[in-house]
Amino acid sequence: MAKMLRITLVKSTIGSKPQHRKTIEALGLKKIRQVVEKQDNPQMRGMVEKVKHLVKVEEI
């Protein structure tokens, strides 16, 4: 079984850089406290690293 990441949007994207907004959108997040589960791979880790101040990440 592949490792997964549970990503939760915990802070609004209002006032954040357009690149950060695009990254949040690409992760599939729209609303605060929305949760998505994604494969744990270098691409996802890189996206999460860019917006780590807006999201909470758990390994599952």
Protein backbone atom coordinates (compact mmCIF):
# COMPACT_ATOMS: atom_id res chain seq x y z
CA MET A 1 0.00 0.00 0.00
CA ALA A 2 1.38 3.38 -1.01
CA LYS A 3 1.77 6.05 1.62
CA MET A 4 -0.76 8.85 1.57
CA LEU A 5 -0.80 12.42 2.79
CA ARG A 6 -3.88 13.96 4.41
CA ILE A 7 -3.74 17.68 3.60
CA THR A 8 -6.04 20.14 5.38
CA LEU A 9 -6.41 23.81 4.47
CA VAL A 10 -6.20 25.67 7.79
CA LYS A 11 -5.68 29.27 6.69
CA SER A 12 -7.36 31.44 4.05
CA THR A 13 -5.59 32.21 0.78
CA ILE A 14 -6.83 35.81 0.90
CA GLY A 15 -3.80 38.07 0.76
CA SER A 16 -1.42 35.28 -0.22
CA LYS A 17 0.70 35.27 -3.37
CA PRO A 18 -1.02 34.21 -6.61
CA GLN A 19 1.47 31.32 -6.95
CA HIS A 20 0.41 30.03 -3.50
CA ARG A 21 -3.27 30.30 -4.45
CA LYS A 22 -2.61 28.27 -7.61
CA THR A 23 -0.78 25.62 -5.58
CA ILE A 24 -3.69 25.31 -3.11
CA GLU A 25 -6.08 25.01 -6.05
CA ALA A 26 -3.86 22.37 -7.69
CA LEU A 27 -3.96 20.36 -4.45
CA GLY A 28 -7.76 20.34 -4.78
CA LEU A 29 -8.47 22.60 -1.80
CA LYS A 30 -11.13 25.30 -1.93
CA LYS A 31 -12.49 25.88 1.57
CA ILE A 32 -10.92 26.16 5.00
CA ARG A 33 -10.93 22.82 6.89
CA GLN A 34 -11.38 20.95 3.60
CA VAL A 35 -9.35 17.72 3.57
CA VAL A 36 -7.84 15.89 0.60
CA GLU A 37 -5.81 12.70 0.52
CA LYS A 38 -2.97 12.53 -2.00
CA GLN A 39 -0.20 10.08 -2.84
CA ASP A 40 3.04 10.72 -0.93
CA ASN A 41 5.54 11.53 -3.67
CA PRO A 42 8.19 14.22 -4.29
CA GLN A 43 5.78 16.33 -6.36
CA MET A 44 3.18 16.49 -3.57
CA ARG A 45 5.87 17.12 -0.95
CA GLY A 46 7.16 20.04 -3.03
CA MET A 47 3.69 21.56 -3.40
CA VAL A 48 3.04 21.20 0.33
CA GLU A 49 6.42 22.77 1.15
CA LYS A 50 5.48 25.89 -0.86
CA VAL A 51 2.26 26.42 1.12
CA LYS A 52 3.20 24.89 4.48
CA HIS A 53 2.03 28.08 6.24
CA LEU A 54 -1.52 27.51 4.92
CA VAL A 55 -1.95 23.75 5.36
CA LYS A 56 -1.66 20.95 7.91
CA VAL A 57 -0.21 17.64 6.68
CA GLU A 58 -0.52 14.17 8.21
CA GLU A 59 1.00 10.93 6.94
CA ILE A 60 -1.53 8.10 6.78
